[in-house]
Amino acid sequence: MKHSVILLQTLGKVIIFTLLISTLLAPVALAQSEEDDSGLMIYEGVGGDFTLTSHRGTPASLKDYQGKVVLLFFGYTHCPDICPVSLSYLQQLMGRLGQEVDQVQTLFISVDPERDTPEHLKNYITHFHSSFVGLTGSAKEIAQVAYQYRAAYVRQEVESVAGYFFAHTDYIYLIDKIGRVRALYRAESNTLEQMTEEIQRLIAVQNS
């Protein structure tokens, strides 16, 4: 009986999460404007500036990285699968960018502020790449940024040492040098070759 209740609760959360993703991402699929010379779309009404706390313990805003292409990802350090895979993917991407690597900044926003303190984030995120920046904040601040980017996450209590996990969207947002969302990537469906080529093309257009 106990296992049946847990199963029903889990299924309920999965359904809620699926509906939440559909609701949040529907505008993303529709709100696109004409491309520029990079060939990438501009996602209108998605994204925008924000200020959170970096893994260095100092305030960090998206506008601090204007002049760079930003790769933005929502996750958490206790994530058992999606986050380490995606961050490893971004780590490999950095190695492919060559001279353009200095014009690209990866930001990792934790949806788990309870456990992901700046110090913990630092130990985690710099393991993947020394240039990566981890961001945290209050639950309210993080929820606001997630809403801006149409990202979804749901806390799931589990009977294990971990205590709880998060089901969350796994999109990597490509943001251009003036802060506009230009592409949504996923490690499982977008190749490193595609991402590298598009990022380098975007940099070239915005540098011209």
N, C-alpha and C. Protein backbone atom coordinates (compact mmCIF):
# COMPACT_ATOMS: atom_id res chain seq x y z
N MET A 1 0.83 -1.20 0.00
CA MET A 1 0.00 0.00 0.00
C MET A 1 0.87 1.26 0.00
N LYS A 2 1.92 1.24 0.85
CA LYS A 2 2.82 2.39 0.96
C LYS A 2 3.48 2.67 -0.37
N HIS A 3 3.94 1.59 -1.05
CA HIS A 3 4.62 1.76 -2.33
C HIS A 3 3.65 2.30 -3.39
N SER A 4 2.38 1.88 -3.31
CA SER A 4 1.37 2.36 -4.25
C SER A 4 1.15 3.86 -4.09
N VAL A 5 1.12 4.31 -2.83
CA VAL A 5 0.93 5.74 -2.55
C VAL A 5 2.10 6.53 -3.09
N ILE A 6 3.33 6.03 -2.85
CA ILE A 6 4.53 6.70 -3.34
C ILE A 6 4.52 6.77 -4.86
N LEU A 7 4.10 5.66 -5.50
CA LEU A 7 4.05 5.62 -6.96
C LEU A 7 3.06 6.64 -7.50
N LEU A 8 1.89 6.73 -6.87
CA LEU A 8 0.89 7.69 -7.30
C LEU A 8 1.38 9.12 -7.13
N GLN A 9 2.08 9.37 -6.00
CA GLN A 9 2.62 10.71 -5.76
C GLN A 9 3.66 11.06 -6.82
N THR A 10 4.49 10.08 -7.15
CA THR A 10 5.53 10.30 -8.16
C THR A 10 4.91 10.57 -9.52
N LEU A 11 3.93 9.74 -9.89
CA LEU A 11 3.25 9.94 -11.17
C LEU A 11 2.57 11.30 -11.24
N GLY A 12 1.97 11.71 -10.11
CA GLY A 12 1.33 13.01 -10.06
C GLY A 12 2.31 14.13 -10.31
N LYS A 13 3.50 14.02 -9.72
CA LYS A 13 4.52 15.05 -9.91
C LYS A 13 5.02 15.06 -11.35
N VAL A 14 5.14 13.87 -11.94
CA VAL A 14 5.59 13.79 -13.33
C VAL A 14 4.59 14.47 -14.25
N ILE A 15 3.29 14.22 -14.01
CA ILE A 15 2.24 14.85 -14.82
C ILE A 15 2.26 16.36 -14.66
N ILE A 16 2.37 16.82 -13.40
CA ILE A 16 2.43 18.26 -13.14
C ILE A 16 3.64 18.88 -13.83
N PHE A 17 4.78 18.19 -13.74
CA PHE A 17 6.01 18.70 -14.34
C PHE A 17 5.87 18.78 -15.86
N THR A 18 5.27 17.74 -16.46
CA THR A 18 5.08 17.73 -17.91
C THR A 18 4.18 18.88 -18.35
N LEU A 19 3.10 19.10 -17.61
CA LEU A 19 2.19 20.20 -17.94
C LEU A 19 2.88 21.55 -17.75
N LEU A 20 3.70 21.65 -16.70
CA LEU A 20 4.42 22.90 -16.43
C LEU A 20 5.38 23.22 -17.55
N ILE A 21 6.11 22.21 -18.01
CA ILE A 21 7.04 22.42 -19.12
C ILE A 21 6.29 22.86 -20.38
N SER A 22 5.18 22.19 -20.67
CA SER A 22 4.40 22.53 -21.85
C SER A 22 3.90 23.96 -21.80
N THR A 23 3.45 24.38 -20.62
CA THR A 23 2.93 25.74 -20.45
C THR A 23 4.03 26.77 -20.61
N LEU A 24 5.18 26.50 -20.01
CA LEU A 24 6.26 27.47 -20.03
C LEU A 24 6.93 27.57 -21.40
N LEU A 25 7.08 26.43 -22.07
CA LEU A 25 7.81 26.42 -23.32
C LEU A 25 6.96 26.73 -24.54
N ALA A 26 5.65 26.74 -24.38
CA ALA A 26 4.78 27.08 -25.51
C ALA A 26 5.13 28.44 -26.11
N PRO A 27 5.33 29.50 -25.28
CA PRO A 27 5.69 30.80 -25.86
C PRO A 27 7.04 30.78 -26.55
N VAL A 28 7.95 29.89 -26.08
CA VAL A 28 9.27 29.82 -26.68
C VAL A 28 9.18 29.36 -28.12
N ALA A 29 8.29 28.39 -28.37
CA ALA A 29 8.15 27.85 -29.71
C ALA A 29 7.55 28.87 -30.67
N LEU A 30 6.78 29.80 -30.14
CA LEU A 30 6.06 30.74 -30.98
C LEU A 30 6.75 32.11 -31.09
N ALA A 31 7.41 32.52 -30.02
CA ALA A 31 7.92 33.89 -29.94
C ALA A 31 9.31 33.99 -30.56
N GLN A 32 9.38 33.93 -31.88
CA GLN A 32 10.63 34.06 -32.58
C GLN A 32 10.51 35.14 -33.64
N SER A 33 11.55 35.93 -33.77
CA SER A 33 11.53 36.97 -34.79
C SER A 33 12.53 36.62 -35.89
N GLU A 34 12.67 37.49 -36.85
CA GLU A 34 13.53 37.19 -37.99
C GLU A 34 14.98 37.02 -37.58
N GLU A 35 15.67 36.19 -38.34
CA GLU A 35 17.08 35.96 -38.08
C GLU A 35 17.91 37.16 -38.53
N ASP A 36 19.13 37.24 -38.00
CA ASP A 36 20.09 38.21 -38.53
C ASP A 36 21.07 37.43 -39.41
N ASP A 37 22.22 38.00 -39.70
CA ASP A 37 23.15 37.35 -40.61
C ASP A 37 23.76 36.07 -40.04
N SER A 38 23.57 35.81 -38.75
CA SER A 38 24.10 34.58 -38.15
C SER A 38 23.26 33.37 -38.54
N GLY A 39 22.04 33.61 -39.01
CA GLY A 39 21.14 32.52 -39.34
C GLY A 39 20.40 31.97 -38.14
N LEU A 40 20.62 32.56 -36.96
CA LEU A 40 19.94 32.11 -35.74
C LEU A 40 18.73 32.98 -35.45
N MET A 41 17.71 32.36 -34.88
CA MET A 41 16.51 33.10 -34.53
C MET A 41 16.76 33.97 -33.30
N ILE A 42 15.90 34.96 -33.10
CA ILE A 42 15.90 35.77 -31.89
C ILE A 42 14.61 35.45 -31.15
N TYR A 43 14.73 34.94 -29.94
CA TYR A 43 13.56 34.55 -29.15
C TYR A 43 13.04 35.75 -28.38
N GLU A 44 11.93 36.30 -28.82
CA GLU A 44 11.34 37.47 -28.18
C GLU A 44 10.58 37.05 -26.92
N GLY A 45 10.68 37.85 -25.87
CA GLY A 45 9.92 37.59 -24.66
C GLY A 45 10.46 36.48 -23.79
N VAL A 46 11.65 36.00 -24.10
CA VAL A 46 12.29 34.96 -23.30
C VAL A 46 13.64 35.47 -22.83
N GLY A 47 13.91 35.35 -21.54
CA GLY A 47 15.20 35.76 -21.01
C GLY A 47 15.17 37.16 -20.42
N GLY A 48 16.32 37.80 -20.40
CA GLY A 48 16.44 39.13 -19.81
C GLY A 48 17.47 39.16 -18.70
N ASP A 49 17.78 40.35 -18.24
CA ASP A 49 18.80 40.53 -17.21
C ASP A 49 18.31 40.02 -15.86
N PHE A 50 19.25 39.71 -15.00
CA PHE A 50 18.96 39.25 -13.64
C PHE A 50 20.21 39.46 -12.80
N THR A 51 20.05 39.42 -11.50
CA THR A 51 21.19 39.48 -10.59
C THR A 51 21.04 38.40 -9.55
N LEU A 52 22.07 37.55 -9.43
CA LEU A 52 22.12 36.49 -8.43
C LEU A 52 23.47 36.57 -7.73
N THR A 53 23.80 35.56 -6.94
CA THR A 53 25.08 35.52 -6.22
C THR A 53 25.98 34.48 -6.85
N SER A 54 27.19 34.89 -7.22
CA SER A 54 28.10 33.97 -7.89
C SER A 54 28.77 33.04 -6.88
N HIS A 55 29.46 32.02 -7.39
CA HIS A 55 30.16 31.09 -6.51
C HIS A 55 31.33 31.77 -5.78
N ARG A 56 31.63 32.98 -6.19
CA ARG A 56 32.66 33.76 -5.48
C ARG A 56 32.06 34.56 -4.32
N GLY A 57 30.74 34.48 -4.18
CA GLY A 57 30.07 35.19 -3.09
C GLY A 57 29.75 36.63 -3.40
N THR A 58 29.88 37.02 -4.66
CA THR A 58 29.62 38.40 -5.07
C THR A 58 28.42 38.46 -6.02
N PRO A 59 27.73 39.61 -6.10
CA PRO A 59 26.60 39.73 -7.04
C PRO A 59 27.09 39.57 -8.48
N ALA A 60 26.26 38.92 -9.28
CA ALA A 60 26.60 38.75 -10.70
C ALA A 60 25.32 38.90 -11.51
N SER A 61 25.39 39.70 -12.55
CA SER A 61 24.24 39.94 -13.43
C SER A 61 24.57 39.49 -14.84
N LEU A 62 23.54 39.21 -15.62
CA LEU A 62 23.77 38.86 -17.02
C LEU A 62 24.48 40.00 -17.75
N LYS A 63 24.12 41.23 -17.41
CA LYS A 63 24.72 42.38 -18.10
C LYS A 63 26.22 42.49 -17.84
N ASP A 64 26.70 41.85 -16.78
CA ASP A 64 28.14 41.84 -16.51
C ASP A 64 28.91 41.15 -17.63
N TYR A 65 28.22 40.32 -18.39
CA TYR A 65 28.87 39.53 -19.43
C TYR A 65 28.52 40.02 -20.83
N GLN A 66 27.95 41.22 -20.92
CA GLN A 66 27.70 41.79 -22.24
C GLN A 66 29.03 41.94 -22.97
N GLY A 67 29.01 41.61 -24.25
CA GLY A 67 30.26 41.57 -25.00
C GLY A 67 30.78 40.15 -25.15
N LYS A 68 30.12 39.23 -24.43
CA LYS A 68 30.43 37.81 -24.56
C LYS A 68 29.17 37.05 -24.93
N VAL A 69 29.35 35.92 -25.58
CA VAL A 69 28.24 34.99 -25.81
C VAL A 69 28.11 34.16 -24.53
N VAL A 70 26.88 34.00 -24.06
CA VAL A 70 26.64 33.28 -22.80
C VAL A 70 25.90 31.98 -23.06
N LEU A 71 26.34 30.92 -22.39
CA LEU A 71 25.63 29.64 -22.38
C LEU A 71 25.08 29.46 -20.97
N LEU A 72 23.76 29.43 -20.86
CA LEU A 72 23.08 29.43 -19.56
C LEU A 72 22.37 28.10 -19.35
N PHE A 73 22.55 27.54 -18.14
CA PHE A 73 21.95 26.24 -17.84
C PHE A 73 21.42 26.25 -16.40
N PHE A 74 20.20 25.71 -16.21
CA PHE A 74 19.61 25.58 -14.88
C PHE A 74 19.79 24.14 -14.41
N GLY A 75 20.25 23.97 -13.17
CA GLY A 75 20.43 22.63 -12.63
C GLY A 75 20.75 22.68 -11.15
N TYR A 76 21.41 21.65 -10.65
CA TYR A 76 21.81 21.65 -9.24
C TYR A 76 22.92 20.63 -9.05
N THR A 77 23.74 20.82 -8.04
CA THR A 77 24.96 20.04 -7.90
C THR A 77 24.74 18.59 -7.50
N HIS A 78 23.60 18.29 -6.86
CA HIS A 78 23.31 16.91 -6.47
C HIS A 78 22.59 16.14 -7.58
N CYS A 79 22.46 16.72 -8.73
CA CYS A 79 21.81 16.08 -9.87
C CYS A 79 22.60 14.84 -10.28
N PRO A 80 21.95 13.69 -10.40
CA PRO A 80 22.68 12.46 -10.69
C PRO A 80 22.98 12.21 -12.16
N ASP A 81 22.34 12.94 -13.06
CA ASP A 81 22.51 12.60 -14.47
C ASP A 81 22.56 13.79 -15.42
N ILE A 82 21.45 14.53 -15.56
CA ILE A 82 21.36 15.57 -16.58
C ILE A 82 22.45 16.63 -16.44
N CYS A 83 22.65 17.11 -15.23
CA CYS A 83 23.59 18.22 -15.03
C CYS A 83 25.04 17.84 -15.32
N PRO A 84 25.57 16.74 -14.73
CA PRO A 84 26.96 16.40 -15.07
C PRO A 84 27.17 16.10 -16.54
N VAL A 85 26.16 15.49 -17.18
CA VAL A 85 26.27 15.21 -18.62
C VAL A 85 26.32 16.51 -19.41
N SER A 86 25.42 17.43 -19.11
CA SER A 86 25.36 18.70 -19.84
C SER A 86 26.61 19.55 -19.60
N LEU A 87 27.08 19.58 -18.37
CA LEU A 87 28.28 20.38 -18.06
C LEU A 87 29.53 19.75 -18.69
N SER A 88 29.57 18.44 -18.75
CA SER A 88 30.69 17.78 -19.43
C SER A 88 30.65 18.10 -20.92
N TYR A 89 29.45 18.19 -21.47
CA TYR A 89 29.25 18.55 -22.87
C TYR A 89 29.77 19.96 -23.12
N LEU A 90 29.43 20.87 -22.21
CA LEU A 90 29.90 22.25 -22.34
C LEU A 90 31.42 22.33 -22.15
N GLN A 91 31.94 21.50 -21.29
CA GLN A 91 33.39 21.43 -21.11
C GLN A 91 34.07 21.06 -22.44
N GLN A 92 33.52 20.05 -23.11
CA GLN A 92 34.07 19.65 -24.41
C GLN A 92 33.92 20.77 -25.44
N LEU A 93 32.81 21.48 -25.36
CA LEU A 93 32.58 22.58 -26.28
C LEU A 93 33.65 23.65 -26.14
N MET A 94 34.04 23.96 -24.90
CA MET A 94 35.08 24.96 -24.67
C MET A 94 36.37 24.58 -25.40
N GLY A 95 36.67 23.29 -25.41
CA GLY A 95 37.88 22.83 -26.07
C GLY A 95 37.83 22.93 -27.58
N ARG A 96 36.63 23.05 -28.14
CA ARG A 96 36.46 23.12 -29.59
C ARG A 96 36.44 24.55 -30.11
N LEU A 97 36.27 25.52 -29.22
CA LEU A 97 36.06 26.89 -29.67
C LEU A 97 37.34 27.62 -30.07
N GLY A 98 38.48 27.07 -29.76
CA GLY A 98 39.74 27.68 -30.17
C GLY A 98 39.90 29.10 -29.65
N GLN A 99 40.26 30.03 -30.52
CA GLN A 99 40.51 31.41 -30.12
C GLN A 99 39.26 32.11 -29.62
N GLU A 100 38.09 31.60 -29.99
CA GLU A 100 36.84 32.23 -29.56
C GLU A 100 36.44 31.89 -28.13
N VAL A 101 37.16 30.98 -27.49
CA VAL A 101 36.76 30.53 -26.15
C VAL A 101 36.69 31.68 -25.15
N ASP A 102 37.55 32.69 -25.31
CA ASP A 102 37.56 33.82 -24.39
C ASP A 102 36.34 34.72 -24.56
N GLN A 103 35.58 34.51 -25.64
CA GLN A 103 34.39 35.31 -25.89
C GLN A 103 33.11 34.58 -25.48
N VAL A 104 33.26 33.48 -24.77
CA VAL A 104 32.12 32.67 -24.35
C VAL A 104 32.14 32.46 -22.84
N GLN A 105 31.00 32.66 -22.20
CA GLN A 105 30.88 32.49 -20.75
C GLN A 105 29.75 31.52 -20.43
N THR A 106 30.04 30.49 -19.65
CA THR A 106 29.01 29.55 -19.20
C THR A 106 28.54 29.93 -17.81
N LEU A 107 27.22 30.02 -17.62
CA LEU A 107 26.61 30.31 -16.33
C LEU A 107 25.71 29.15 -15.93
N PHE A 108 25.90 28.66 -14.71
CA PHE A 108 25.12 27.54 -14.17
C PHE A 108 24.29 28.06 -13.01
N ILE A 109 22.96 28.11 -13.19
CA ILE A 109 22.07 28.62 -12.14
C ILE A 109 21.50 27.44 -11.36
N SER A 110 21.79 27.40 -10.06
CA SER A 110 21.28 26.32 -9.22
C SER A 110 19.83 26.57 -8.85
N VAL A 111 19.03 25.51 -8.95
CA VAL A 111 17.63 25.59 -8.51
C VAL A 111 17.48 25.02 -7.10
N ASP A 112 18.62 24.78 -6.44
CA ASP A 112 18.64 24.17 -5.11
C ASP A 112 19.44 25.03 -4.14
N PRO A 113 18.95 26.24 -3.83
CA PRO A 113 19.72 27.14 -2.96
C PRO A 113 19.92 26.60 -1.55
N GLU A 114 19.08 25.68 -1.13
CA GLU A 114 19.20 25.10 0.21
C GLU A 114 20.54 24.38 0.40
N ARG A 115 20.98 23.68 -0.63
CA ARG A 115 22.25 22.94 -0.53
C ARG A 115 23.38 23.59 -1.29
N ASP A 116 23.05 24.33 -2.35
CA ASP A 116 24.09 24.89 -3.21
C ASP A 116 24.52 26.27 -2.75
N THR A 117 25.33 26.29 -1.71
CA THR A 117 25.93 27.54 -1.24
C THR A 117 27.01 27.97 -2.24
N PRO A 118 27.43 29.23 -2.21
CA PRO A 118 28.50 29.65 -3.12
C PRO A 118 29.74 28.76 -3.01
N GLU A 119 30.12 28.39 -1.80
CA GLU A 119 31.32 27.56 -1.63
C GLU A 119 31.13 26.18 -2.27
N HIS A 120 29.96 25.60 -2.06
CA HIS A 120 29.70 24.28 -2.64
C HIS A 120 29.64 24.38 -4.17
N LEU A 121 29.02 25.43 -4.67
CA LEU A 121 28.96 25.64 -6.11
C LEU A 121 30.36 25.77 -6.72
N LYS A 122 31.22 26.49 -6.02
CA LYS A 122 32.58 26.69 -6.52
C LYS A 122 33.30 25.37 -6.69
N ASN A 123 33.22 24.51 -5.69
CA ASN A 123 33.89 23.21 -5.76
C ASN A 123 33.34 22.35 -6.89
N TYR A 124 32.07 22.51 -7.16
CA TYR A 124 31.41 21.70 -8.19
C TYR A 124 31.68 22.23 -9.59
N ILE A 125 31.38 23.50 -9.80
CA ILE A 125 31.38 24.04 -11.16
C ILE A 125 32.78 24.16 -11.75
N THR A 126 33.76 24.52 -10.93
CA THR A 126 35.12 24.68 -11.45
C THR A 126 35.78 23.34 -11.75
N HIS A 127 35.17 22.26 -11.29
CA HIS A 127 35.65 20.93 -11.65
C HIS A 127 35.51 20.70 -13.15
N PHE A 128 34.50 21.30 -13.75
CA PHE A 128 34.26 21.13 -15.18
C PHE A 128 35.10 22.08 -16.02
N HIS A 129 35.19 23.35 -15.60
CA HIS A 129 36.01 24.32 -16.34
C HIS A 129 36.25 25.52 -15.44
N SER A 130 37.47 26.00 -15.45
CA SER A 130 37.84 27.09 -14.54
C SER A 130 37.08 28.38 -14.84
N SER A 131 36.56 28.54 -16.06
CA SER A 131 35.86 29.78 -16.41
C SER A 131 34.37 29.74 -16.09
N PHE A 132 33.83 28.55 -15.81
CA PHE A 132 32.39 28.43 -15.54
C PHE A 132 32.04 29.17 -14.26
N VAL A 133 30.87 29.79 -14.25
CA VAL A 133 30.40 30.53 -13.07
C VAL A 133 29.11 29.91 -12.56
N GLY A 134 29.10 29.58 -11.26
CA GLY A 134 27.89 29.06 -10.63
C GLY A 134 27.13 30.20 -9.98
N LEU A 135 25.80 30.15 -10.05
CA LEU A 135 24.98 31.22 -9.51
C LEU A 135 23.90 30.64 -8.59
N THR A 136 23.65 31.33 -7.49
CA THR A 136 22.59 30.94 -6.56
C THR A 136 21.90 32.20 -6.05
N GLY A 137 20.96 32.03 -5.16
CA GLY A 137 20.21 33.16 -4.61
C GLY A 137 19.10 32.63 -3.74
N SER A 138 18.16 33.46 -3.41
CA SER A 138 17.01 33.00 -2.64
C SER A 138 16.10 32.18 -3.55
N ALA A 139 15.23 31.39 -2.95
CA ALA A 139 14.28 30.60 -3.74
C ALA A 139 13.44 31.51 -4.63
N LYS A 140 13.06 32.66 -4.12
CA LYS A 140 12.24 33.60 -4.88
C LYS A 140 13.02 34.18 -6.06
N GLU A 141 14.27 34.54 -5.84
CA GLU A 141 15.09 35.11 -6.91
C GLU A 141 15.30 34.10 -8.03
N ILE A 142 15.57 32.86 -7.66
CA ILE A 142 15.81 31.82 -8.66
C ILE A 142 14.53 31.54 -9.45
N ALA A 143 13.41 31.49 -8.75
CA ALA A 143 12.13 31.25 -9.42
C ALA A 143 11.82 32.35 -10.44
N GLN A 144 12.18 33.57 -10.12
CA GLN A 144 11.94 34.69 -11.03
C GLN A 144 12.78 34.55 -12.31
N VAL A 145 14.05 34.18 -12.14
CA VAL A 145 14.91 34.02 -13.32
C VAL A 145 14.42 32.84 -14.16
N ALA A 146 14.04 31.76 -13.49
CA ALA A 146 13.52 30.60 -14.22
C ALA A 146 12.27 30.97 -15.02
N TYR A 147 11.41 31.78 -14.42
CA TYR A 147 10.20 32.22 -15.12
C TYR A 147 10.56 33.04 -16.35
N GLN A 148 11.55 33.92 -16.22
CA GLN A 148 11.97 34.74 -17.35
C GLN A 148 12.43 33.88 -18.52
N TYR A 149 13.10 32.77 -18.18
CA TYR A 149 13.66 31.91 -19.22
C TYR A 149 12.78 30.71 -19.55
N ARG A 150 11.57 30.69 -18.99
CA ARG A 150 10.62 29.61 -19.23
C ARG A 150 11.22 28.25 -18.85
N ALA A 151 12.03 28.24 -17.79
CA ALA A 151 12.61 27.00 -17.28
C ALA A 151 11.71 26.45 -16.18
N ALA A 152 11.65 25.13 -16.05
CA ALA A 152 10.78 24.51 -15.06
C ALA A 152 11.58 23.57 -14.16
N TYR A 153 11.21 23.50 -12.91
CA TYR A 153 11.82 22.54 -11.99
C TYR A 153 10.83 22.22 -10.87
N VAL A 154 10.85 20.98 -10.43
CA VAL A 154 9.95 20.51 -9.38
C VAL A 154 10.74 19.66 -8.39
N ARG A 155 10.62 19.98 -7.11
CA ARG A 155 11.31 19.21 -6.07
C ARG A 155 10.58 17.89 -5.86
N GLN A 156 11.35 16.79 -5.75
CA GLN A 156 10.80 15.46 -5.53
C GLN A 156 11.44 14.83 -4.30
N GLU A 157 10.66 14.58 -3.28
CA GLU A 157 11.17 13.93 -2.07
C GLU A 157 11.42 12.45 -2.39
N VAL A 158 12.54 11.93 -1.90
CA VAL A 158 12.88 10.52 -2.13
C VAL A 158 13.34 9.88 -0.83
N GLU A 159 13.16 8.58 -0.74
CA GLU A 159 13.59 7.84 0.45
C GLU A 159 15.02 7.35 0.24
N SER A 160 15.96 8.28 0.36
CA SER A 160 17.37 7.95 0.21
C SER A 160 18.19 8.97 0.99
N VAL A 161 19.48 8.76 1.01
CA VAL A 161 20.37 9.68 1.72
C VAL A 161 20.27 11.09 1.12
N ALA A 162 20.04 11.16 -0.19
CA ALA A 162 19.95 12.46 -0.86
C ALA A 162 18.81 13.31 -0.31
N GLY A 163 17.72 12.68 0.11
CA GLY A 163 16.59 13.41 0.67
C GLY A 163 15.61 13.91 -0.37
N TYR A 164 16.12 14.55 -1.41
CA TYR A 164 15.25 15.03 -2.48
C TYR A 164 16.06 15.28 -3.74
N PHE A 165 15.37 15.23 -4.85
CA PHE A 165 15.94 15.56 -6.14
C PHE A 165 15.07 16.62 -6.80
N PHE A 166 15.52 17.11 -7.94
CA PHE A 166 14.72 18.04 -8.74
C PHE A 166 14.54 17.47 -10.14
N ALA A 167 13.30 17.44 -10.60
CA ALA A 167 13.05 17.23 -12.03
C ALA A 167 13.12 18.61 -12.65
N HIS A 168 13.89 18.77 -13.71
CA HIS A 168 14.06 20.11 -14.29
C HIS A 168 14.31 20.04 -15.78
N THR A 169 14.01 21.13 -16.46
CA THR A 169 14.30 21.23 -17.88
C THR A 169 15.80 21.22 -18.11
N ASP A 170 16.21 20.72 -19.26
CA ASP A 170 17.65 20.55 -19.51
C ASP A 170 18.14 21.38 -20.69
N TYR A 171 17.50 22.49 -20.94
CA TYR A 171 17.92 23.34 -22.05
C TYR A 171 19.17 24.15 -21.72
N ILE A 172 20.05 24.26 -22.70
CA ILE A 172 21.19 25.16 -22.64
C ILE A 172 20.82 26.36 -23.51
N TYR A 173 20.75 27.54 -22.91
CA TYR A 173 20.34 28.75 -23.63
C TYR A 173 21.57 29.43 -24.22
N LEU A 174 21.53 29.69 -25.52
CA LEU A 174 22.58 30.47 -26.17
C LEU A 174 22.12 31.92 -26.19
N ILE A 175 22.88 32.79 -25.53
CA ILE A 175 22.54 34.20 -25.40
C ILE A 175 23.62 35.03 -26.09
N ASP A 176 23.20 35.93 -26.95
CA ASP A 176 24.20 36.69 -27.71
C ASP A 176 24.83 37.81 -26.88
N LYS A 177 25.69 38.58 -27.52
CA LYS A 177 26.50 39.55 -26.81
C LYS A 177 25.72 40.75 -26.28
N ILE A 178 24.47 40.89 -26.70
CA ILE A 178 23.65 41.97 -26.15
C ILE A 178 22.47 41.43 -25.35
N GLY A 179 22.56 40.14 -24.97
CA GLY A 179 21.61 39.59 -24.02
C GLY A 179 20.36 38.95 -24.57
N ARG A 180 20.32 38.63 -25.87
CA ARG A 180 19.12 38.03 -26.47
C ARG A 180 19.30 36.51 -26.59
N VAL A 181 18.26 35.75 -26.28
CA VAL A 181 18.30 34.31 -26.45
C VAL A 181 18.24 33.99 -27.94
N ARG A 182 19.21 33.18 -28.42
CA ARG A 182 19.32 32.90 -29.85
C ARG A 182 19.11 31.43 -30.21
N ALA A 183 19.27 30.54 -29.22
CA ALA A 183 19.06 29.11 -29.50
C ALA A 183 18.85 28.37 -28.18
N LEU A 184 18.17 27.24 -28.28
CA LEU A 184 18.00 26.33 -27.14
C LEU A 184 18.62 25.00 -27.54
N TYR A 185 19.61 24.56 -26.76
CA TYR A 185 20.30 23.31 -27.05
C TYR A 185 20.00 22.27 -25.98
N ARG A 186 20.18 21.02 -26.34
CA ARG A 186 20.12 19.92 -25.38
C ARG A 186 21.26 18.98 -25.70
N ALA A 187 21.96 18.52 -24.66
CA ALA A 187 23.11 17.64 -24.87
C ALA A 187 22.73 16.37 -25.61
N GLU A 188 21.48 15.91 -25.41
CA GLU A 188 21.08 14.65 -26.02
C GLU A 188 20.64 14.78 -27.47
N SER A 189 20.42 16.00 -27.93
CA SER A 189 19.90 16.14 -29.30
C SER A 189 20.67 17.11 -30.19
N ASN A 190 21.59 17.88 -29.64
CA ASN A 190 22.39 18.81 -30.46
C ASN A 190 23.86 18.39 -30.40
N THR A 191 24.48 18.29 -31.57
CA THR A 191 25.87 17.84 -31.61
C THR A 191 26.82 18.97 -31.23
N LEU A 192 27.99 18.59 -30.79
CA LEU A 192 29.02 19.58 -30.48
C LEU A 192 29.43 20.33 -31.74
N GLU A 193 29.43 19.65 -32.85
CA GLU A 193 29.78 20.30 -34.12
C GLU A 193 28.80 21.41 -34.44
N GLN A 194 27.51 21.13 -34.30
CA GLN A 194 26.48 22.14 -34.58
C GLN A 194 26.62 23.33 -33.65
N MET A 195 26.76 23.07 -32.35
CA MET A 195 26.86 24.14 -31.37
C MET A 195 28.09 25.00 -31.61
N THR A 196 29.21 24.35 -31.87
CA THR A 196 30.46 25.08 -32.11
C THR A 196 30.33 25.99 -33.32
N GLU A 197 29.80 25.43 -34.40
CA GLU A 197 29.66 26.20 -35.65
C GLU A 197 28.74 27.39 -35.46
N GLU A 198 27.62 27.20 -34.78
CA GLU A 198 26.65 28.28 -34.60
C GLU A 198 27.19 29.37 -33.67
N ILE A 199 27.88 28.96 -32.62
CA ILE A 199 28.45 29.94 -31.69
C ILE A 199 29.54 30.76 -32.39
N GLN A 200 30.39 30.10 -33.15
CA GLN A 200 31.46 30.81 -33.85
C GLN A 200 30.87 31.77 -34.90
N ARG A 201 29.78 31.34 -35.56
CA ARG A 201 29.13 32.20 -36.55
C ARG A 201 28.50 33.42 -35.88
N LEU A 202 27.89 33.20 -34.72
CA LEU A 202 27.27 34.31 -33.98
C LEU A 202 28.33 35.31 -33.52
N ILE A 203 29.46 34.79 -33.04
CA ILE A 203 30.55 35.67 -32.61
C ILE A 203 31.08 36.49 -33.78
N ALA A 204 31.25 35.83 -34.92
CA ALA A 204 31.77 36.53 -36.10
C ALA A 204 30.83 37.65 -36.54
N VAL A 205 29.53 37.38 -36.54
CA VAL A 205 28.56 38.40 -36.96
C VAL A 205 28.56 39.57 -35.98
N GLN A 206 28.59 39.28 -34.69
CA GLN A 206 28.52 40.35 -33.71
C GLN A 206 29.84 41.09 -33.53
N ASN A 207 30.92 40.52 -34.01
CA ASN A 207 32.21 41.21 -33.99
C ASN A 207 32.41 42.10 -35.20
N SER A 208 31.57 41.88 -36.23
CA SER A 208 31.78 42.61 -37.50
C SER A 208 31.16 44.03 -37.42
